[in-house]
Amino acid sequence: MKSGEKADHGKFRAANYLFPGQDIPITGDNKNQNARGSSVVTSLAAGLAGLILYTQRLLLSDTSYNVMMPQRQKLEAWPRKALINQAFNVLAGHPTEKIPKDLYVALGSHFDKDPVTFAEESGFGGQPKVLETLMTSLMLMN
């Protein structure tokens, strides 16, 4: 199986999104390893969806983030499933896709730095601004 192809057990079913299933970098305990398989990919997709929903809720609930009114209204208007679909469409390079089918979600170009390091280096105003930048880059707040 080539990287980015459906697993053999999924070849006969349509999928909305495909996530990388091989050579997924895992770090921890001073070790760098690569993981692979549908269990890892399912966790990755679910975690990303959770991050998107959490970020939406956080930016809307805490007034210290000072999300401007037009962006706030747009962010409030997204139903949860549509919010995740739009983010995955952008990550797959198809931001206007209405009915996604087998879109390969590429993560590296959008998540190439540690968010804490990015917040410190960018001068954007810390982690809240990083979350706002993430949502803007996923075309959820612009």
C-alpha atoms as a PDB file:
ATOM      1  CA  MET A   1       0.000   0.000   0.000  1.00  0.00           C
ATOM      2  CA  LYS A   2       1.342   3.435  -0.931  1.00  0.00           C
ATOM      3  CA  SER A   3       1.157   6.230   1.608  1.00  0.00           C
ATOM      4  CA  GLY A   4      -2.140   8.076   1.210  1.00  0.00           C
ATOM      5  CA  GLU A   5      -4.058   5.142  -0.237  1.00  0.00           C
ATOM      6  CA  LYS A   6      -6.985   3.576   1.544  1.00  0.00           C
ATOM      7  CA  ALA A   7      -6.233   0.537   3.637  1.00  0.00           C
ATOM      8  CA  ASP A   8      -7.158  -2.744   1.929  1.00  0.00           C
ATOM      9  CA  HIS A   9     -10.210  -3.191   4.170  1.00  0.00           C
ATOM     10  CA  GLY A  10     -11.527   0.251   3.123  1.00  0.00           C
ATOM     11  CA  LYS A  11     -11.015   0.115  -0.642  1.00  0.00           C
ATOM     12  CA  PHE A  12     -14.635  -0.675  -1.391  1.00  0.00           C
ATOM     13  CA  ARG A  13     -16.160   2.035   0.785  1.00  0.00           C
ATOM     14  CA  ALA A  14     -16.308   5.737   0.113  1.00  0.00           C
ATOM     15  CA  ALA A  15     -14.595   7.957   2.652  1.00  0.00           C
ATOM     16  CA  ASN A  16     -14.850  11.682   3.069  1.00  0.00           C
ATOM     17  CA  TYR A  17     -11.272  12.166   4.199  1.00  0.00           C
ATOM     18  CA  LEU A  18      -8.068  10.151   4.143  1.00  0.00           C
ATOM     19  CA  PHE A  19      -5.347  10.848   6.707  1.00  0.00           C
ATOM     20  CA  PRO A  20      -1.715   9.770   6.499  1.00  0.00           C
ATOM     21  CA  GLY A  21      -1.434   6.238   7.842  1.00  0.00           C
ATOM     22  CA  GLN A  22       2.295   5.593   7.586  1.00  0.00           C
ATOM     23  CA  ASP A  23       5.388   7.177   9.059  1.00  0.00           C
ATOM     24  CA  ILE A  24       3.500   9.358  11.541  1.00  0.00           C
ATOM     25  CA  PRO A  25       6.109  10.989  13.794  1.00  0.00           C
ATOM     26  CA  ILE A  26       5.547  10.331  17.489  1.00  0.00           C
ATOM     27  CA  THR A  27       7.726  12.014  20.102  1.00  0.00           C
ATOM     28  CA  GLY A  28       7.946  11.412  23.813  1.00  0.00           C
ATOM     29  CA  ASP A  29      10.278  10.238  26.547  1.00  0.00           C
ATOM     30  CA  ASN A  30      13.223  11.652  24.572  1.00  0.00           C
ATOM     31  CA  LYS A  31      12.517   9.209  21.723  1.00  0.00           C
ATOM     32  CA  ASN A  32      11.432   9.880  18.175  1.00  0.00           C
ATOM     33  CA  GLN A  33       9.495   7.073  16.556  1.00  0.00           C
ATOM     34  CA  ASN A  34       7.205   6.580  13.608  1.00  0.00           C
ATOM     35  CA  ALA A  35       3.801   4.979  13.957  1.00  0.00           C
ATOM     36  CA  ARG A  36       1.456   3.549  11.363  1.00  0.00           C
ATOM     37  CA  GLY A  37      -1.975   2.045  11.006  1.00  0.00           C
ATOM     38  CA  SER A  38      -5.663   2.827  11.213  1.00  0.00           C
ATOM     39  CA  SER A  39      -5.699   3.053  15.017  1.00  0.00           C
ATOM     40  CA  VAL A  40      -3.108   5.819  14.994  1.00  0.00           C
ATOM     41  CA  VAL A  41      -4.817   7.619  12.127  1.00  0.00           C
ATOM     42  CA  THR A  42      -8.229   7.424  13.789  1.00  0.00           C
ATOM     43  CA  SER A  43      -6.757   8.969  16.928  1.00  0.00           C
ATOM     44  CA  LEU A  44      -5.085  11.671  14.860  1.00  0.00           C
ATOM     45  CA  ALA A  45      -8.302  12.581  13.026  1.00  0.00           C
ATOM     46  CA  ALA A  46     -10.393  12.551  16.207  1.00  0.00           C
ATOM     47  CA  GLY A  47      -7.810  14.625  18.049  1.00  0.00           C
ATOM     48  CA  LEU A  48      -7.673  17.188  15.253  1.00  0.00           C
ATOM     49  CA  ALA A  49     -11.476  17.436  15.197  1.00  0.00           C
ATOM     50  CA  GLY A  50     -11.447  17.879  18.975  1.00  0.00           C
ATOM     51  CA  LEU A  51      -8.799  20.601  18.726  1.00  0.00           C
ATOM     52  CA  ILE A  52     -10.899  22.492  16.189  1.00  0.00           C
ATOM     53  CA  LEU A  53     -14.046  22.286  18.346  1.00  0.00           C
ATOM     54  CA  TYR A  54     -12.127  23.197  21.502  1.00  0.00           C
ATOM     55  CA  THR A  55     -10.527  26.186  19.802  1.00  0.00           C
ATOM     56  CA  GLN A  56     -13.903  27.417  18.581  1.00  0.00           C
ATOM     57  CA  ARG A  57     -15.378  27.137  22.070  1.00  0.00           C
ATOM     58  CA  LEU A  58     -12.351  28.732  23.730  1.00  0.00           C
ATOM     59  CA  LEU A  59     -12.225  31.705  21.383  1.00  0.00           C
ATOM     60  CA  LEU A  60     -15.943  32.345  21.855  1.00  0.00           C
ATOM     61  CA  SER A  61     -16.130  31.837  25.603  1.00  0.00           C
ATOM     62  CA  ASP A  62     -13.224  33.887  26.895  1.00  0.00           C
ATOM     63  CA  THR A  63     -13.587  37.621  26.297  1.00  0.00           C
ATOM     64  CA  SER A  64      -9.864  38.156  26.898  1.00  0.00           C
ATOM     65  CA  TYR A  65      -9.214  36.730  23.420  1.00  0.00           C
ATOM     66  CA  ASN A  66     -10.943  39.779  21.949  1.00  0.00           C
ATOM     67  CA  VAL A  67     -12.144  38.120  18.755  1.00  0.00           C
ATOM     68  CA  MET A  68     -13.484  40.928  16.553  1.00  0.00           C
ATOM     69  CA  MET A  69     -17.228  40.984  15.886  1.00  0.00           C
ATOM     70  CA  PRO A  70     -17.280  39.829  12.209  1.00  0.00           C
ATOM     71  CA  GLN A  71     -15.004  36.883  12.993  1.00  0.00           C
ATOM     72  CA  ARG A  72     -16.968  36.135  16.177  1.00  0.00           C
ATOM     73  CA  GLN A  73     -20.246  36.037  14.265  1.00  0.00           C
ATOM     74  CA  LYS A  74     -18.773  33.742  11.617  1.00  0.00           C
ATOM     75  CA  LEU A  75     -17.261  31.463  14.243  1.00  0.00           C
ATOM     76  CA  GLU A  76     -20.547  31.327  16.181  1.00  0.00           C
ATOM     77  CA  ALA A  77     -22.481  30.437  13.026  1.00  0.00           C
ATOM     78  CA  TRP A  78     -20.592  27.209  12.270  1.00  0.00           C
ATOM     79  CA  PRO A  79     -22.411  23.987  13.231  1.00  0.00           C
ATOM     80  CA  ARG A  80     -19.880  21.544  14.686  1.00  0.00           C
ATOM     81  CA  LYS A  81     -19.853  19.073  11.784  1.00  0.00           C
ATOM     82  CA  ALA A  82     -19.602  21.840   9.180  1.00  0.00           C
ATOM     83  CA  LEU A  83     -16.745  23.451  11.128  1.00  0.00           C
ATOM     84  CA  ILE A  84     -14.750  20.213  11.089  1.00  0.00           C
ATOM     85  CA  ASN A  85     -15.574  19.518   7.428  1.00  0.00           C
ATOM     86  CA  GLN A  86     -14.417  22.993   6.405  1.00  0.00           C
ATOM     87  CA  ALA A  87     -11.172  22.625   8.343  1.00  0.00           C
ATOM     88  CA  PHE A  88     -10.499  19.185   6.830  1.00  0.00           C
ATOM     89  CA  ASN A  89     -11.344  20.509   3.341  1.00  0.00           C
ATOM     90  CA  VAL A  90      -8.792  23.311   3.752  1.00  0.00           C
ATOM     91  CA  LEU A  91      -6.167  20.876   5.028  1.00  0.00           C
ATOM     92  CA  ALA A  92      -6.887  18.682   1.996  1.00  0.00           C
ATOM     93  CA  GLY A  93      -6.435  21.645  -0.359  1.00  0.00           C
ATOM     94  CA  HIS A  94     -10.111  21.762  -1.394  1.00  0.00           C
ATOM     95  CA  PRO A  95     -11.647  24.590   0.679  1.00  0.00           C
ATOM     96  CA  THR A  96     -14.808  24.885  -1.439  1.00  0.00           C
ATOM     97  CA  GLU A  97     -15.594  21.165  -1.686  1.00  0.00           C
ATOM     98  CA  LYS A  98     -19.299  20.570  -0.999  1.00  0.00           C
ATOM     99  CA  ILE A  99     -19.385  16.765  -0.832  1.00  0.00           C
ATOM    100  CA  PRO A 100     -15.894  15.533   0.037  1.00  0.00           C
ATOM    101  CA  LYS A 101     -14.889  12.095  -1.198  1.00  0.00           C
ATOM    102  CA  ASP A 102     -11.495  10.569  -0.554  1.00  0.00           C
ATOM    103  CA  LEU A 103      -9.772  13.907   0.142  1.00  0.00           C
ATOM    104  CA  TYR A 104      -6.247  13.388   1.467  1.00  0.00           C
ATOM    105  CA  VAL A 105      -5.727  15.588   4.531  1.00  0.00           C
ATOM    106  CA  ALA A 106      -2.137  16.837   4.632  1.00  0.00           C
ATOM    107  CA  LEU A 107      -1.042  18.099   8.026  1.00  0.00           C
ATOM    108  CA  GLY A 108       2.631  18.998   7.793  1.00  0.00           C
ATOM    109  CA  SER A 109       2.342  22.375   6.101  1.00  0.00           C
ATOM    110  CA  HIS A 110      -0.249  23.597   8.613  1.00  0.00           C
ATOM    111  CA  PHE A 111       1.295  22.172  11.785  1.00  0.00           C
ATOM    112  CA  ASP A 112       4.994  22.439  11.205  1.00  0.00           C
ATOM    113  CA  LYS A 113       5.952  24.034  14.525  1.00  0.00           C
ATOM    114  CA  ASP A 114       5.315  23.498  18.184  1.00  0.00           C
ATOM    115  CA  PRO A 115       2.542  25.988  19.117  1.00  0.00           C
ATOM    116  CA  VAL A 116       4.311  27.181  22.269  1.00  0.00           C
ATOM    117  CA  THR A 117       7.496  27.911  20.327  1.00  0.00           C
ATOM    118  CA  PHE A 118       5.445  29.568  17.570  1.00  0.00           C
ATOM    119  CA  ALA A 119       3.682  31.788  20.138  1.00  0.00           C
ATOM    120  CA  GLU A 120       6.991  32.834  21.698  1.00  0.00           C
ATOM    121  CA  GLU A 121       8.799  33.437  18.386  1.00  0.00           C
ATOM    122  CA  SER A 122       6.006  35.166  16.523  1.00  0.00           C
ATOM    123  CA  GLY A 123       5.242  37.961  18.940  1.00  0.00           C
ATOM    124  CA  PHE A 124       1.569  37.402  18.124  1.00  0.00           C
ATOM    125  CA  GLY A 125       0.464  37.767  21.725  1.00  0.00           C
ATOM    126  CA  GLY A 126       0.914  34.239  22.984  1.00  0.00           C
ATOM    127  CA  GLN A 127      -1.148  31.090  22.689  1.00  0.00           C
ATOM    128  CA  PRO A 128      -4.576  32.735  22.251  1.00  0.00           C
ATOM    129  CA  LYS A 129      -3.336  34.452  19.117  1.00  0.00           C
ATOM    130  CA  VAL A 130      -1.908  31.150  17.849  1.00  0.00           C
ATOM    131  CA  LEU A 131      -5.362  29.574  18.196  1.00  0.00           C
ATOM    132  CA  GLU A 132      -6.940  32.502  16.367  1.00  0.00           C
ATOM    133  CA  THR A 133      -4.287  32.207  13.639  1.00  0.00           C
ATOM    134  CA  LEU A 134      -5.063  28.487  13.313  1.00  0.00           C
ATOM    135  CA  MET A 135      -8.783  29.132  12.869  1.00  0.00           C
ATOM    136  CA  THR A 136      -8.090  31.907  10.356  1.00  0.00           C
ATOM    137  CA  SER A 137      -5.725  29.705   8.353  1.00  0.00           C
ATOM    138  CA  LEU A 138      -8.431  27.027   8.199  1.00  0.00           C
ATOM    139  CA  MET A 139     -10.781  29.660   6.722  1.00  0.00           C
ATOM    140  CA  LEU A 140     -13.089  29.452   9.711  1.00  0.00           C
ATOM    141  CA  MET A 141     -12.746  33.060  10.867  1.00  0.00           C
ATOM    142  CA  ASN A 142     -11.640  35.204   7.914  1.00  0.00           C
END
